[in-house]
Amino acid sequence: MKELTVGIVGIQGDVEEHKRSLEHAFRDMDLNGNIRWIRSPKELVSIDGLIIPGGESTVISNILSSRQMFQPIKDLINKGLPVLGTCAGLIILAKKNYDKVVGEKEQPKLGVMNVTVERNFFGRQKESFEAELEIQKLGNKKFKGVFIRAPSIIEVGSDVQILSKLNDLAVAVQEGNIIGTTFHPELICDIRLHKYFLTTIISNQ
C-alpha cells in the first residue's frame, strides 16, 4: 500500500496534538504515513485526508479566507477527500452555525456538512468537562470526550449518521467522507477515532 499523506490545517489550535495522535495511529495500524501542515493552497496537493482541528473557529476561518483556501478545500471534500473536523473544525464544516447570544455567525465557512451547530452550547472555558461516550464504530469500550467551550449539533440532515450522543444531543456525526465531533479526541491517549479516520482514508483509495 502506498504511503498515506494526511494534512492538518496548521494555523491555530490543537495541531501538535492531532499530529501526535496520527503518528500513534499510523504505528498502531502498521501504516506508512506522512503528516503535512496545511497553511496554503499549494500544500493541499496530493493529500489523502485532512484534519481541521479545534481552536478558535473565527481565527481559523478568517485566516483560511485571507489565504484563499476555502474553495480549494471545499472542492477536494466535494470530490470525496476524507476530512475530520473537531470542535472548531466541525463549526467550519457545518452548513449553518450560530451563537445563542448573537445569532447566526457571519464568518467564512466550508458549509459542506449538512448539520446545524450551536457554538459554545455547553458554556465557556470554565464549564469545560469530560464525559464517557458510546461510539459503536469504535467498539464496546467507552470513549472519553473532552468538551472545551464545546458546540452542539442541533440539527442533522437525512444523510448524516449520528455516531455518538450525549444527553440526547449529537456530539459526533458522519456524512460520507466527512466526520465531525464537538469534542477533542486529540487531547486523550485513546487513538481509536484517529484510527477510524485512517480506515476512512484507506477505503477511499
N, C-alpha and C. Protein backbone atom coordinates (compact mmCIF):
# COMPACT_ATOMS: atom_id res chain seq x y z
N MET A 1 0.84 -1.19 0.00
CA MET A 1 0.00 0.00 0.00
C MET A 1 0.88 1.25 0.00
N LYS A 2 0.46 2.27 -0.74
CA LYS A 2 1.25 3.50 -0.83
C LYS A 2 1.24 4.26 0.49
N GLU A 3 2.22 5.12 0.64
CA GLU A 3 2.27 5.98 1.82
C GLU A 3 1.09 6.95 1.81
N LEU A 4 0.42 7.06 2.95
CA LEU A 4 -0.70 7.99 3.08
C LEU A 4 -0.19 9.34 3.55
N THR A 5 -0.71 10.39 2.95
CA THR A 5 -0.38 11.74 3.38
C THR A 5 -1.63 12.40 3.95
N VAL A 6 -1.58 12.71 5.23
CA VAL A 6 -2.71 13.36 5.89
C VAL A 6 -2.31 14.79 6.23
N GLY A 7 -3.12 15.73 5.80
CA GLY A 7 -2.87 17.13 6.09
C GLY A 7 -3.57 17.56 7.36
N ILE A 8 -2.94 18.44 8.11
CA ILE A 8 -3.55 19.07 9.27
C ILE A 8 -3.51 20.58 9.04
N VAL A 9 -4.68 21.22 9.08
CA VAL A 9 -4.71 22.67 8.95
C VAL A 9 -3.92 23.25 10.12
N GLY A 10 -2.73 23.75 9.82
CA GLY A 10 -1.78 24.12 10.87
C GLY A 10 -1.73 25.61 11.14
N ILE A 11 -2.88 26.21 11.31
CA ILE A 11 -2.94 27.66 11.50
C ILE A 11 -3.03 28.04 12.97
N GLN A 12 -3.91 27.35 13.70
CA GLN A 12 -4.13 27.68 15.11
C GLN A 12 -4.87 26.52 15.74
N GLY A 13 -4.69 26.32 17.03
CA GLY A 13 -5.44 25.28 17.72
C GLY A 13 -4.59 24.06 18.04
N ASP A 14 -5.27 22.92 18.21
CA ASP A 14 -4.62 21.70 18.69
C ASP A 14 -3.93 20.94 17.55
N VAL A 15 -3.00 21.58 16.90
CA VAL A 15 -2.37 20.97 15.72
C VAL A 15 -1.34 19.92 16.13
N GLU A 16 -0.51 20.21 17.11
CA GLU A 16 0.51 19.25 17.54
C GLU A 16 -0.13 18.02 18.16
N GLU A 17 -1.24 18.22 18.87
CA GLU A 17 -1.93 17.09 19.49
C GLU A 17 -2.49 16.14 18.44
N HIS A 18 -3.05 16.69 17.37
CA HIS A 18 -3.54 15.83 16.29
C HIS A 18 -2.37 15.11 15.60
N LYS A 19 -1.28 15.79 15.43
CA LYS A 19 -0.09 15.17 14.82
C LYS A 19 0.37 13.98 15.65
N ARG A 20 0.45 14.16 16.95
CA ARG A 20 0.88 13.07 17.83
C ARG A 20 -0.09 11.89 17.76
N SER A 21 -1.40 12.17 17.78
CA SER A 21 -2.38 11.09 17.71
C SER A 21 -2.29 10.35 16.38
N LEU A 22 -2.09 11.09 15.30
CA LEU A 22 -1.95 10.45 13.99
C LEU A 22 -0.70 9.58 13.92
N GLU A 23 0.40 10.07 14.46
CA GLU A 23 1.63 9.28 14.46
C GLU A 23 1.43 7.97 15.19
N HIS A 24 0.76 8.00 16.33
CA HIS A 24 0.48 6.79 17.09
C HIS A 24 -0.44 5.86 16.30
N ALA A 25 -1.44 6.43 15.64
CA ALA A 25 -2.38 5.62 14.86
C ALA A 25 -1.67 4.95 13.69
N PHE A 26 -0.81 5.67 13.00
CA PHE A 26 -0.03 5.07 11.91
C PHE A 26 0.77 3.88 12.41
N ARG A 27 1.46 4.05 13.54
CA ARG A 27 2.27 2.96 14.09
C ARG A 27 1.41 1.79 14.50
N ASP A 28 0.29 2.07 15.16
CA ASP A 28 -0.57 1.01 15.66
C ASP A 28 -1.18 0.20 14.53
N MET A 29 -1.43 0.85 13.40
CA MET A 29 -2.02 0.17 12.24
C MET A 29 -0.97 -0.31 11.25
N ASP A 30 0.31 -0.13 11.59
CA ASP A 30 1.43 -0.54 10.74
C ASP A 30 1.30 0.05 9.34
N LEU A 31 1.06 1.35 9.29
CA LEU A 31 0.90 2.06 8.02
C LEU A 31 2.06 3.00 7.79
N ASN A 32 2.42 3.16 6.52
CA ASN A 32 3.37 4.20 6.15
C ASN A 32 2.60 5.50 6.02
N GLY A 33 2.92 6.46 6.86
CA GLY A 33 2.16 7.70 6.85
C GLY A 33 3.04 8.93 6.90
N ASN A 34 2.56 9.97 6.27
CA ASN A 34 3.24 11.26 6.25
C ASN A 34 2.23 12.32 6.69
N ILE A 35 2.64 13.21 7.57
CA ILE A 35 1.77 14.27 8.06
C ILE A 35 2.28 15.60 7.53
N ARG A 36 1.38 16.37 6.96
CA ARG A 36 1.77 17.63 6.34
C ARG A 36 0.96 18.78 6.94
N TRP A 37 1.65 19.85 7.35
CA TRP A 37 0.95 21.06 7.77
C TRP A 37 0.35 21.73 6.54
N ILE A 38 -0.91 22.13 6.66
CA ILE A 38 -1.60 22.81 5.56
C ILE A 38 -1.80 24.27 5.95
N ARG A 39 -1.06 25.14 5.28
CA ARG A 39 -1.15 26.57 5.57
C ARG A 39 -1.32 27.40 4.30
N SER A 40 -1.34 26.74 3.15
CA SER A 40 -1.52 27.45 1.88
C SER A 40 -2.15 26.48 0.88
N PRO A 41 -2.79 26.99 -0.17
CA PRO A 41 -3.45 26.11 -1.15
C PRO A 41 -2.50 25.09 -1.77
N LYS A 42 -1.26 25.45 -2.03
CA LYS A 42 -0.34 24.53 -2.71
C LYS A 42 -0.04 23.30 -1.87
N GLU A 43 -0.18 23.41 -0.54
CA GLU A 43 0.10 22.28 0.33
C GLU A 43 -1.03 21.25 0.34
N LEU A 44 -2.15 21.58 -0.30
CA LEU A 44 -3.27 20.64 -0.40
C LEU A 44 -3.05 19.59 -1.48
N VAL A 45 -2.08 19.80 -2.33
CA VAL A 45 -1.86 18.90 -3.47
C VAL A 45 -1.47 17.51 -2.98
N SER A 46 -2.18 16.50 -3.49
CA SER A 46 -1.85 15.08 -3.27
C SER A 46 -2.03 14.61 -1.83
N ILE A 47 -2.83 15.30 -1.02
CA ILE A 47 -3.13 14.75 0.30
C ILE A 47 -4.24 13.71 0.18
N ASP A 48 -4.23 12.75 1.12
CA ASP A 48 -5.24 11.68 1.12
C ASP A 48 -6.33 11.91 2.14
N GLY A 49 -6.12 12.81 3.07
CA GLY A 49 -7.10 13.14 4.09
C GLY A 49 -6.72 14.46 4.73
N LEU A 50 -7.68 15.07 5.44
CA LEU A 50 -7.45 16.39 6.03
C LEU A 50 -8.10 16.47 7.40
N ILE A 51 -7.38 17.04 8.36
CA ILE A 51 -7.93 17.31 9.69
C ILE A 51 -8.01 18.82 9.89
N ILE A 52 -9.19 19.28 10.32
CA ILE A 52 -9.37 20.68 10.72
C ILE A 52 -9.53 20.67 12.24
N PRO A 53 -8.55 21.17 12.97
CA PRO A 53 -8.52 20.98 14.42
C PRO A 53 -9.41 21.94 15.18
N GLY A 54 -9.52 21.66 16.49
CA GLY A 54 -10.17 22.59 17.38
C GLY A 54 -9.29 23.79 17.64
N GLY A 55 -9.90 24.85 18.11
CA GLY A 55 -9.19 26.11 18.38
C GLY A 55 -10.21 27.23 18.37
N GLU A 56 -9.85 28.35 17.81
CA GLU A 56 -10.76 29.49 17.67
C GLU A 56 -11.28 29.49 16.23
N SER A 57 -12.54 29.11 16.06
CA SER A 57 -13.07 28.95 14.70
C SER A 57 -13.04 30.25 13.91
N THR A 58 -13.27 31.38 14.58
CA THR A 58 -13.25 32.67 13.87
C THR A 58 -11.85 32.97 13.34
N VAL A 59 -10.84 32.73 14.16
CA VAL A 59 -9.46 32.97 13.75
C VAL A 59 -9.08 32.06 12.58
N ILE A 60 -9.37 30.76 12.73
CA ILE A 60 -9.02 29.81 11.67
C ILE A 60 -9.74 30.17 10.38
N SER A 61 -11.05 30.46 10.48
CA SER A 61 -11.84 30.81 9.29
C SER A 61 -11.29 32.04 8.58
N ASN A 62 -11.01 33.07 9.35
CA ASN A 62 -10.54 34.32 8.74
C ASN A 62 -9.19 34.14 8.05
N ILE A 63 -8.31 33.36 8.64
CA ILE A 63 -7.00 33.14 8.01
C ILE A 63 -7.15 32.26 6.77
N LEU A 64 -7.96 31.21 6.84
CA LEU A 64 -8.21 30.39 5.66
C LEU A 64 -8.77 31.24 4.52
N SER A 65 -9.69 32.14 4.87
CA SER A 65 -10.29 33.01 3.86
C SER A 65 -9.26 33.96 3.27
N SER A 66 -8.44 34.57 4.12
CA SER A 66 -7.46 35.54 3.63
C SER A 66 -6.41 34.89 2.74
N ARG A 67 -6.18 33.60 2.96
CA ARG A 67 -5.20 32.87 2.14
C ARG A 67 -5.86 32.15 0.96
N GLN A 68 -7.14 32.42 0.75
CA GLN A 68 -7.91 31.86 -0.37
C GLN A 68 -7.85 30.33 -0.38
N MET A 69 -8.09 29.75 0.79
CA MET A 69 -8.01 28.30 0.92
C MET A 69 -9.36 27.62 0.97
N PHE A 70 -10.43 28.37 1.18
CA PHE A 70 -11.74 27.75 1.34
C PHE A 70 -12.17 26.98 0.10
N GLN A 71 -12.11 27.61 -1.06
CA GLN A 71 -12.61 26.95 -2.26
C GLN A 71 -11.80 25.70 -2.62
N PRO A 72 -10.45 25.74 -2.56
CA PRO A 72 -9.70 24.51 -2.84
C PRO A 72 -10.03 23.37 -1.88
N ILE A 73 -10.19 23.69 -0.59
CA ILE A 73 -10.55 22.65 0.38
C ILE A 73 -11.94 22.12 0.09
N LYS A 74 -12.88 23.02 -0.17
CA LYS A 74 -14.26 22.61 -0.45
C LYS A 74 -14.32 21.73 -1.69
N ASP A 75 -13.57 22.09 -2.72
CA ASP A 75 -13.56 21.29 -3.95
C ASP A 75 -13.05 19.88 -3.67
N LEU A 76 -12.00 19.76 -2.88
CA LEU A 76 -11.45 18.44 -2.57
C LEU A 76 -12.45 17.60 -1.77
N ILE A 77 -13.10 18.21 -0.79
CA ILE A 77 -14.08 17.47 0.01
C ILE A 77 -15.25 17.02 -0.86
N ASN A 78 -15.72 17.89 -1.73
CA ASN A 78 -16.83 17.53 -2.62
C ASN A 78 -16.45 16.43 -3.59
N LYS A 79 -15.15 16.28 -3.85
CA LYS A 79 -14.68 15.20 -4.71
C LYS A 79 -14.42 13.91 -3.93
N GLY A 80 -14.64 13.95 -2.61
CA GLY A 80 -14.52 12.74 -1.80
C GLY A 80 -13.37 12.68 -0.83
N LEU A 81 -12.59 13.76 -0.69
CA LEU A 81 -11.48 13.75 0.26
C LEU A 81 -11.99 13.54 1.68
N PRO A 82 -11.51 12.51 2.39
CA PRO A 82 -11.92 12.32 3.78
C PRO A 82 -11.43 13.48 4.66
N VAL A 83 -12.30 13.97 5.52
CA VAL A 83 -11.95 15.10 6.38
C VAL A 83 -12.51 14.86 7.78
N LEU A 84 -11.73 15.23 8.78
CA LEU A 84 -12.14 15.16 10.18
C LEU A 84 -12.08 16.56 10.76
N GLY A 85 -13.21 17.03 11.28
CA GLY A 85 -13.25 18.33 11.92
C GLY A 85 -13.63 18.17 13.38
N THR A 86 -12.80 18.70 14.28
CA THR A 86 -13.07 18.57 15.71
C THR A 86 -13.33 19.94 16.32
N CYS A 87 -14.44 20.06 17.03
CA CYS A 87 -14.85 21.29 17.72
C CYS A 87 -14.90 22.46 16.74
N ALA A 88 -13.94 23.35 16.76
CA ALA A 88 -13.95 24.47 15.81
C ALA A 88 -13.94 23.97 14.36
N GLY A 89 -13.26 22.86 14.13
CA GLY A 89 -13.24 22.28 12.79
C GLY A 89 -14.62 21.89 12.31
N LEU A 90 -15.43 21.34 13.23
CA LEU A 90 -16.81 21.00 12.88
C LEU A 90 -17.62 22.25 12.57
N ILE A 91 -17.42 23.30 13.34
CA ILE A 91 -18.13 24.56 13.10
C ILE A 91 -17.84 25.07 11.68
N ILE A 92 -16.59 24.95 11.26
CA ILE A 92 -16.20 25.41 9.93
C ILE A 92 -16.80 24.52 8.84
N LEU A 93 -16.95 23.23 9.12
CA LEU A 93 -17.51 22.29 8.14
C LEU A 93 -19.02 22.44 7.99
N ALA A 94 -19.71 22.87 9.05
CA ALA A 94 -21.17 22.87 9.09
C ALA A 94 -21.79 23.85 8.09
N LYS A 95 -22.95 23.46 7.58
CA LYS A 95 -23.68 24.35 6.67
C LYS A 95 -24.20 25.57 7.40
N LYS A 96 -24.52 25.40 8.68
CA LYS A 96 -25.04 26.53 9.45
C LYS A 96 -24.49 26.47 10.86
N ASN A 97 -24.06 27.62 11.39
CA ASN A 97 -23.67 27.68 12.79
C ASN A 97 -24.13 29.01 13.37
N TYR A 98 -24.46 28.98 14.64
CA TYR A 98 -24.93 30.21 15.27
C TYR A 98 -24.56 30.21 16.74
N ASP A 99 -24.65 31.37 17.34
CA ASP A 99 -24.42 31.57 18.76
C ASP A 99 -25.75 31.99 19.38
N LYS A 100 -26.13 31.38 20.51
CA LYS A 100 -27.44 31.67 21.09
C LYS A 100 -27.55 33.11 21.59
N VAL A 101 -26.42 33.80 21.75
CA VAL A 101 -26.45 35.19 22.19
C VAL A 101 -26.52 36.15 21.01
N VAL A 102 -25.67 35.94 20.01
CA VAL A 102 -25.58 36.90 18.90
C VAL A 102 -26.24 36.40 17.62
N GLY A 103 -26.74 35.16 17.63
CA GLY A 103 -27.42 34.63 16.45
C GLY A 103 -26.46 33.98 15.46
N GLU A 104 -26.89 33.90 14.19
CA GLU A 104 -26.08 33.24 13.18
C GLU A 104 -24.81 34.03 12.92
N LYS A 105 -23.70 33.30 12.87
CA LYS A 105 -22.39 33.95 12.70
C LYS A 105 -22.10 34.16 11.22
N GLU A 106 -21.77 35.38 10.89
CA GLU A 106 -21.38 35.71 9.52
C GLU A 106 -19.87 35.59 9.38
N GLN A 107 -19.40 34.37 9.47
CA GLN A 107 -17.97 34.13 9.29
C GLN A 107 -17.79 33.16 8.13
N PRO A 108 -16.65 33.21 7.46
CA PRO A 108 -16.42 32.27 6.36
C PRO A 108 -16.50 30.83 6.86
N LYS A 109 -17.06 29.96 6.05
CA LYS A 109 -17.14 28.55 6.42
C LYS A 109 -17.15 27.70 5.15
N LEU A 110 -16.86 26.42 5.33
CA LEU A 110 -16.90 25.50 4.20
C LEU A 110 -18.33 25.12 3.85
N GLY A 111 -19.17 24.89 4.86
CA GLY A 111 -20.57 24.59 4.63
C GLY A 111 -20.81 23.30 3.86
N VAL A 112 -19.96 22.28 4.09
CA VAL A 112 -20.06 21.04 3.32
C VAL A 112 -20.79 19.93 4.07
N MET A 113 -21.07 20.12 5.35
CA MET A 113 -21.73 19.08 6.14
C MET A 113 -23.12 19.56 6.52
N ASN A 114 -24.10 18.70 6.28
CA ASN A 114 -25.50 19.09 6.44
C ASN A 114 -25.93 19.00 7.91
N VAL A 115 -25.33 19.87 8.71
CA VAL A 115 -25.67 19.96 10.13
C VAL A 115 -25.76 21.43 10.53
N THR A 116 -26.52 21.67 11.61
CA THR A 116 -26.57 22.99 12.24
C THR A 116 -25.90 22.88 13.60
N VAL A 117 -24.96 23.76 13.86
CA VAL A 117 -24.16 23.71 15.08
C VAL A 117 -24.38 24.97 15.90
N GLU A 118 -24.63 24.79 17.20
CA GLU A 118 -24.70 25.93 18.11
C GLU A 118 -23.37 26.06 18.85
N ARG A 119 -22.73 27.19 18.67
CA ARG A 119 -21.43 27.43 19.28
C ARG A 119 -21.55 27.61 20.79
N ASN A 120 -20.52 27.19 21.50
CA ASN A 120 -20.44 27.36 22.96
C ASN A 120 -21.69 26.85 23.67
N PHE A 121 -22.28 25.79 23.15
CA PHE A 121 -23.54 25.27 23.70
C PHE A 121 -23.38 24.88 25.16
N PHE A 122 -22.26 24.26 25.49
CA PHE A 122 -22.05 23.74 26.84
C PHE A 122 -21.42 24.77 27.78
N GLY A 123 -21.29 26.01 27.32
CA GLY A 123 -20.73 27.05 28.18
C GLY A 123 -19.34 27.46 27.76
N ARG A 124 -18.78 28.36 28.54
CA ARG A 124 -17.46 28.91 28.24
C ARG A 124 -16.37 28.03 28.84
N GLN A 125 -15.16 28.57 28.90
CA GLN A 125 -13.99 27.79 29.30
C GLN A 125 -14.18 27.11 30.66
N LYS A 126 -14.75 27.83 31.62
CA LYS A 126 -14.86 27.28 32.97
C LYS A 126 -15.88 26.15 33.05
N GLU A 127 -16.75 26.03 32.04
CA GLU A 127 -17.71 24.93 32.02
C GLU A 127 -17.20 23.71 31.26
N SER A 128 -15.93 23.68 30.92
CA SER A 128 -15.36 22.54 30.21
C SER A 128 -15.48 21.28 31.07
N PHE A 129 -15.63 20.13 30.41
CA PHE A 129 -15.83 18.88 31.15
C PHE A 129 -15.44 17.69 30.29
N GLU A 130 -15.41 16.52 30.92
CA GLU A 130 -15.17 15.27 30.22
C GLU A 130 -16.37 14.35 30.42
N ALA A 131 -16.63 13.49 29.44
CA ALA A 131 -17.76 12.57 29.53
C ALA A 131 -17.42 11.27 28.82
N GLU A 132 -17.92 10.17 29.35
CA GLU A 132 -17.73 8.86 28.72
C GLU A 132 -18.79 8.68 27.64
N LEU A 133 -18.34 8.43 26.42
CA LEU A 133 -19.24 8.35 25.27
C LEU A 133 -19.28 6.94 24.70
N GLU A 134 -20.44 6.57 24.23
CA GLU A 134 -20.57 5.32 23.47
C GLU A 134 -20.48 5.65 21.98
N ILE A 135 -19.49 5.05 21.31
CA ILE A 135 -19.31 5.24 19.87
C ILE A 135 -19.15 3.85 19.27
N GLN A 136 -20.23 3.31 18.73
CA GLN A 136 -20.23 1.93 18.27
C GLN A 136 -19.17 1.65 17.22
N LYS A 137 -18.88 2.63 16.39
CA LYS A 137 -17.86 2.46 15.35
C LYS A 137 -16.49 2.16 15.95
N LEU A 138 -16.30 2.52 17.22
CA LEU A 138 -15.01 2.35 17.87
C LEU A 138 -14.97 1.16 18.80
N GLY A 139 -16.05 0.36 18.84
CA GLY A 139 -16.08 -0.81 19.70
C GLY A 139 -16.89 -0.57 20.96
N ASN A 140 -16.85 -1.57 21.85
CA ASN A 140 -17.69 -1.52 23.05
C ASN A 140 -17.12 -0.64 24.16
N LYS A 141 -15.81 -0.46 24.18
CA LYS A 141 -15.20 0.37 25.22
C LYS A 141 -15.58 1.83 25.02
N LYS A 142 -15.97 2.48 26.11
CA LYS A 142 -16.38 3.88 26.01
C LYS A 142 -15.19 4.78 25.68
N PHE A 143 -15.51 5.90 25.07
CA PHE A 143 -14.50 6.86 24.62
C PHE A 143 -14.64 8.13 25.45
N LYS A 144 -13.53 8.62 25.98
CA LYS A 144 -13.58 9.83 26.80
C LYS A 144 -13.63 11.07 25.91
N GLY A 145 -14.73 11.79 25.99
CA GLY A 145 -14.86 13.03 25.23
C GLY A 145 -14.46 14.22 26.08
N VAL A 146 -13.56 15.05 25.55
CA VAL A 146 -13.13 16.27 26.24
C VAL A 146 -13.84 17.45 25.58
N PHE A 147 -14.69 18.12 26.34
CA PHE A 147 -15.52 19.21 25.82
C PHE A 147 -15.00 20.54 26.37
N ILE A 148 -14.45 21.37 25.49
CA ILE A 148 -13.89 22.67 25.88
C ILE A 148 -14.58 23.76 25.07
N ARG A 149 -15.37 24.59 25.74
CA ARG A 149 -16.18 25.60 25.04
C ARG A 149 -16.88 24.95 23.85
N ALA A 150 -17.46 23.80 24.11
CA ALA A 150 -17.89 22.92 23.03
C ALA A 150 -19.20 23.35 22.39
N PRO A 151 -19.30 23.19 21.08
CA PRO A 151 -20.57 23.38 20.40
C PRO A 151 -21.44 22.14 20.55
N SER A 152 -22.67 22.24 20.08
CA SER A 152 -23.54 21.07 19.99
C SER A 152 -24.15 21.02 18.60
N ILE A 153 -24.43 19.82 18.16
CA ILE A 153 -25.07 19.62 16.87
C ILE A 153 -26.58 19.62 17.10
N ILE A 154 -27.24 20.65 16.64
CA ILE A 154 -28.66 20.85 16.92
C ILE A 154 -29.55 20.16 15.89
N GLU A 155 -29.14 20.18 14.64
CA GLU A 155 -29.92 19.55 13.57
C GLU A 155 -28.98 18.78 12.66
N VAL A 156 -29.47 17.63 12.17
CA VAL A 156 -28.70 16.85 11.21
C VAL A 156 -29.57 16.55 10.00
N GLY A 157 -28.95 16.52 8.83
CA GLY A 157 -29.66 16.19 7.61
C GLY A 157 -29.91 14.69 7.51
N SER A 158 -30.73 14.31 6.55
CA SER A 158 -31.14 12.91 6.41
C SER A 158 -29.98 11.99 6.05
N ASP A 159 -28.93 12.52 5.44
CA ASP A 159 -27.78 11.70 5.04
C ASP A 159 -26.69 11.67 6.10
N VAL A 160 -26.92 12.30 7.22
CA VAL A 160 -25.90 12.38 8.27
C VAL A 160 -26.14 11.28 9.30
N GLN A 161 -25.11 10.51 9.57
CA GLN A 161 -25.18 9.45 10.57
C GLN A 161 -24.68 9.97 11.91
N ILE A 162 -25.47 9.76 12.94
CA ILE A 162 -25.05 10.15 14.29
C ILE A 162 -24.20 9.03 14.87
N LEU A 163 -22.95 9.33 15.18
CA LEU A 163 -22.03 8.33 15.72
C LEU A 163 -22.10 8.25 17.23
N SER A 164 -22.43 9.37 17.89
CA SER A 164 -22.49 9.37 19.35
C SER A 164 -23.38 10.51 19.83
N LYS A 165 -24.03 10.26 20.98
CA LYS A 165 -24.87 11.28 21.60
C LYS A 165 -24.46 11.47 23.06
N LEU A 166 -24.73 12.65 23.57
CA LEU A 166 -24.58 12.96 24.98
C LEU A 166 -25.85 13.67 25.42
N ASN A 167 -26.57 13.06 26.35
CA ASN A 167 -27.84 13.64 26.81
C ASN A 167 -28.77 13.94 25.64
N ASP A 168 -28.88 12.98 24.73
CA ASP A 168 -29.76 13.07 23.55
C ASP A 168 -29.32 14.10 22.52
N LEU A 169 -28.14 14.69 22.68
CA LEU A 169 -27.61 15.62 21.69
C LEU A 169 -26.48 14.95 20.93
N ALA A 170 -26.50 15.08 19.61
CA ALA A 170 -25.42 14.51 18.80
C ALA A 170 -24.11 15.24 19.09
N VAL A 171 -23.05 14.46 19.31
CA VAL A 171 -21.73 15.05 19.56
C VAL A 171 -20.68 14.51 18.59
N ALA A 172 -21.04 13.51 17.79
CA ALA A 172 -20.16 13.01 16.73
C ALA A 172 -21.03 12.55 15.57
N VAL A 173 -20.68 12.96 14.37
CA VAL A 173 -21.50 12.67 13.19
C VAL A 173 -20.61 12.34 12.00
N GLN A 174 -21.22 11.68 11.01
CA GLN A 174 -20.51 11.38 9.78
C GLN A 174 -21.46 11.51 8.61
N GLU A 175 -20.99 12.17 7.57
CA GLU A 175 -21.74 12.28 6.33
C GLU A 175 -20.80 11.87 5.19
N GLY A 176 -20.84 10.58 4.85
CA GLY A 176 -19.96 10.08 3.82
C GLY A 176 -18.50 10.20 4.22
N ASN A 177 -17.76 11.01 3.50
CA ASN A 177 -16.33 11.19 3.75
C ASN A 177 -16.01 12.24 4.82
N ILE A 178 -17.05 12.80 5.44
CA ILE A 178 -16.86 13.89 6.41
C ILE A 178 -17.22 13.41 7.81
N ILE A 179 -16.30 13.57 8.75
CA ILE A 179 -16.52 13.21 10.15
C ILE A 179 -16.37 14.47 11.00
N GLY A 180 -17.29 14.67 11.93
CA GLY A 180 -17.21 15.84 12.79
C GLY A 180 -17.50 15.48 14.24
N THR A 181 -16.75 16.07 15.16
CA THR A 181 -17.00 15.87 16.58
C THR A 181 -17.04 17.22 17.29
N THR A 182 -17.87 17.31 18.33
CA THR A 182 -17.90 18.54 19.12
C THR A 182 -16.85 18.51 20.23
N PHE A 183 -16.25 17.35 20.45
CA PHE A 183 -15.24 17.18 21.49
C PHE A 183 -13.85 17.07 20.85
N HIS A 184 -12.83 16.93 21.72
CA HIS A 184 -11.43 16.93 21.28
C HIS A 184 -10.81 15.55 21.45
N PRO A 185 -10.85 14.68 20.44
CA PRO A 185 -10.25 13.35 20.58
C PRO A 185 -8.73 13.38 20.65
N GLU A 186 -8.14 14.48 20.22
CA GLU A 186 -6.68 14.60 20.19
C GLU A 186 -6.08 14.88 21.57
N LEU A 187 -6.93 15.17 22.56
CA LEU A 187 -6.42 15.55 23.88
C LEU A 187 -6.36 14.38 24.86
N ILE A 188 -6.61 13.17 24.37
CA ILE A 188 -6.52 11.98 25.21
C ILE A 188 -5.58 10.98 24.55
N CYS A 189 -5.23 9.94 25.28
CA CYS A 189 -4.30 8.93 24.75
C CYS A 189 -5.00 7.90 23.87
N ASP A 190 -6.31 7.86 23.88
CA ASP A 190 -7.09 6.92 23.08
C ASP A 190 -7.07 7.38 21.62
N ILE A 191 -6.50 6.55 20.74
CA ILE A 191 -6.34 6.94 19.33
C ILE A 191 -7.37 6.28 18.42
N ARG A 192 -8.40 5.69 19.00
CA ARG A 192 -9.35 4.93 18.17
C ARG A 192 -10.06 5.80 17.13
N LEU A 193 -10.38 7.03 17.46
CA LEU A 193 -11.07 7.87 16.49
C LEU A 193 -10.13 8.22 15.33
N HIS A 194 -8.87 8.48 15.63
CA HIS A 194 -7.92 8.75 14.55
C HIS A 194 -7.69 7.50 13.69
N LYS A 195 -7.71 6.33 14.31
CA LYS A 195 -7.59 5.09 13.54
C LYS A 195 -8.82 4.90 12.65
N TYR A 196 -9.99 5.23 13.17
CA TYR A 196 -11.20 5.13 12.36
C TYR A 196 -11.13 6.09 11.18
N PHE A 197 -10.60 7.28 11.41
CA PHE A 197 -10.44 8.23 10.31
C PHE A 197 -9.48 7.67 9.26
N LEU A 198 -8.40 7.03 9.70
CA LEU A 198 -7.46 6.44 8.74
C LEU A 198 -8.12 5.32 7.94
N THR A 199 -9.00 4.53 8.56
CA THR A 199 -9.70 3.50 7.79
C THR A 199 -10.61 4.13 6.74
N THR A 200 -11.17 5.29 7.05
CA THR A 200 -11.98 6.01 6.06
C THR A 200 -11.12 6.45 4.89
N ILE A 201 -9.91 6.90 5.18
CA ILE A 201 -8.99 7.30 4.12
C ILE A 201 -8.61 6.09 3.26
N ILE A 202 -8.29 4.97 3.91
CA ILE A 202 -7.89 3.76 3.18
C ILE A 202 -9.00 3.29 2.26
N SER A 203 -10.24 3.30 2.75
CA SER A 203 -11.36 2.85 1.93
C SER A 203 -11.63 3.77 0.76
N ASN A 204 -11.07 4.97 0.81
CA ASN A 204 -11.26 5.94 -0.26
C ASN A 204 -10.19 5.82 -1.35
N GLN A 205 -9.17 4.98 -1.09
CA GLN A 205 -8.07 4.86 -2.06
C GLN A 205 -8.50 4.10 -3.33
